[in-house]
Protein backbone atom coordinates (compact mmCIF):
# COMPACT_ATOMS: atom_id res chain seq x y z
CA MET A 1 86.35 -71.83 17.26
CA SER A 2 88.04 -68.46 17.26
CA CYS A 3 84.59 -66.84 17.23
CA GLY A 4 83.50 -68.80 20.30
CA ALA A 5 81.09 -71.00 18.40
CA PRO A 6 80.37 -74.45 19.81
CA VAL A 7 81.96 -76.92 17.41
CA VAL A 8 80.86 -80.30 16.10
CA CYS A 9 83.44 -81.89 13.84
CA SER A 10 84.75 -85.10 12.36
CA ASN A 11 86.77 -87.44 14.54
CA ARG A 12 89.06 -88.23 11.61
CA THR A 13 92.25 -86.78 10.13
CA SER A 14 93.92 -84.10 12.26
CA LEU A 15 90.71 -82.53 13.54
CA PRO A 16 90.64 -84.31 16.94
CA GLU A 17 94.19 -83.12 17.56
CA VAL A 18 93.27 -79.57 16.59
CA VAL A 19 90.05 -79.25 18.58
CA GLY A 20 91.16 -81.24 21.62
CA ASP A 21 88.35 -81.32 24.17
CA ALA A 22 86.83 -78.08 22.86
CA ALA A 23 84.42 -79.78 20.44
CA LEU A 24 82.12 -82.71 20.01
CA SER A 25 83.83 -85.08 17.59
CA VAL A 26 81.81 -87.65 15.68
CA ASP A 27 82.29 -90.25 12.99
CA PRO A 28 81.57 -88.36 9.75
CA GLU A 29 79.90 -91.45 8.30
CA ASP A 30 77.52 -91.83 11.24
CA THR A 31 74.62 -89.57 10.36
CA GLN A 32 72.77 -90.33 13.59
CA ALA A 33 75.81 -89.38 15.71
CA LEU A 34 76.13 -86.12 13.80
CA VAL A 35 72.43 -85.35 14.30
CA GLU A 36 72.66 -86.13 18.02
CA ALA A 37 75.76 -83.98 18.49
CA MET A 38 74.19 -81.05 16.67
CA ARG A 39 70.94 -81.49 18.60
CA SER A 40 72.89 -81.54 21.87
CA VAL A 41 74.72 -78.32 21.06
CA LEU A 42 71.49 -76.61 20.02
CA SER A 43 69.32 -77.80 22.91
CA ASP A 44 71.69 -78.07 25.88
CA THR A 45 72.50 -74.51 26.90
CA SER A 46 75.13 -75.49 29.46
CA LEU A 47 76.91 -77.69 26.89
CA ALA A 48 76.87 -74.86 24.34
CA ILE A 49 78.24 -72.38 26.89
CA ASP A 50 80.98 -74.82 27.92
CA LEU A 51 81.97 -75.55 24.31
CA ARG A 52 82.02 -71.83 23.49
CA ALA A 53 84.42 -71.15 26.35
CA ARG A 54 86.60 -74.13 25.43
CA SER A 55 86.60 -73.06 21.77
CA LEU A 56 87.97 -69.64 22.62
CA GLN A 57 90.62 -71.10 24.92
CA ARG A 58 91.67 -73.69 22.34
CA ALA A 59 91.73 -71.22 19.44
CA ALA A 60 93.95 -68.89 21.49
CA GLN A 61 96.64 -71.59 21.41
CA PHE A 62 97.01 -71.12 17.64
CA SER A 63 98.32 -68.11 15.74
CA TRP A 64 99.99 -67.37 12.44
CA ARG A 65 102.99 -65.96 14.31
CA LYS A 66 103.42 -69.21 16.25
CA THR A 67 103.03 -71.23 13.05
CA ALA A 68 105.66 -69.14 11.27
CA THR A 69 108.07 -69.34 14.21
CA GLU A 70 107.73 -73.11 14.51
CA THR A 71 108.03 -73.61 10.74
CA LEU A 72 111.19 -71.52 10.64
CA ALA A 73 112.64 -73.50 13.55
CA ALA A 74 111.88 -76.78 11.75
CA TYR A 75 113.60 -75.53 8.58
CA GLN A 76 116.61 -74.35 10.55
CA GLU A 77 116.87 -77.71 12.31
CA ALA A 78 116.60 -79.59 9.00
CA LEU A 79 119.27 -77.37 7.48
CA ALA A 80 121.59 -77.89 10.45
CA ARG A 81 121.13 -81.67 10.24
CA SER A 82 121.83 -81.69 6.50
CA LYS A 83 125.20 -79.99 7.11
CA LYS A 84 126.39 -82.74 9.47
């Protein structure tokens, strides 16, 4: 996503939460759905362009700095609660 690639991914685990509306999400056990999603991305230029733009916007919401800051805040909150 951070490269602006159109994304097709599984609709299971945390992936739908991560990709939001910036990807086509399919049941990983549904081969036909996966084929159709990949075919759509490869043959529908406007869909590919839209997903590329959404991928870049979505990926920009994530960073290692943000992850570190939020992890530190969670640890600090847990520590503060344990002292009560």
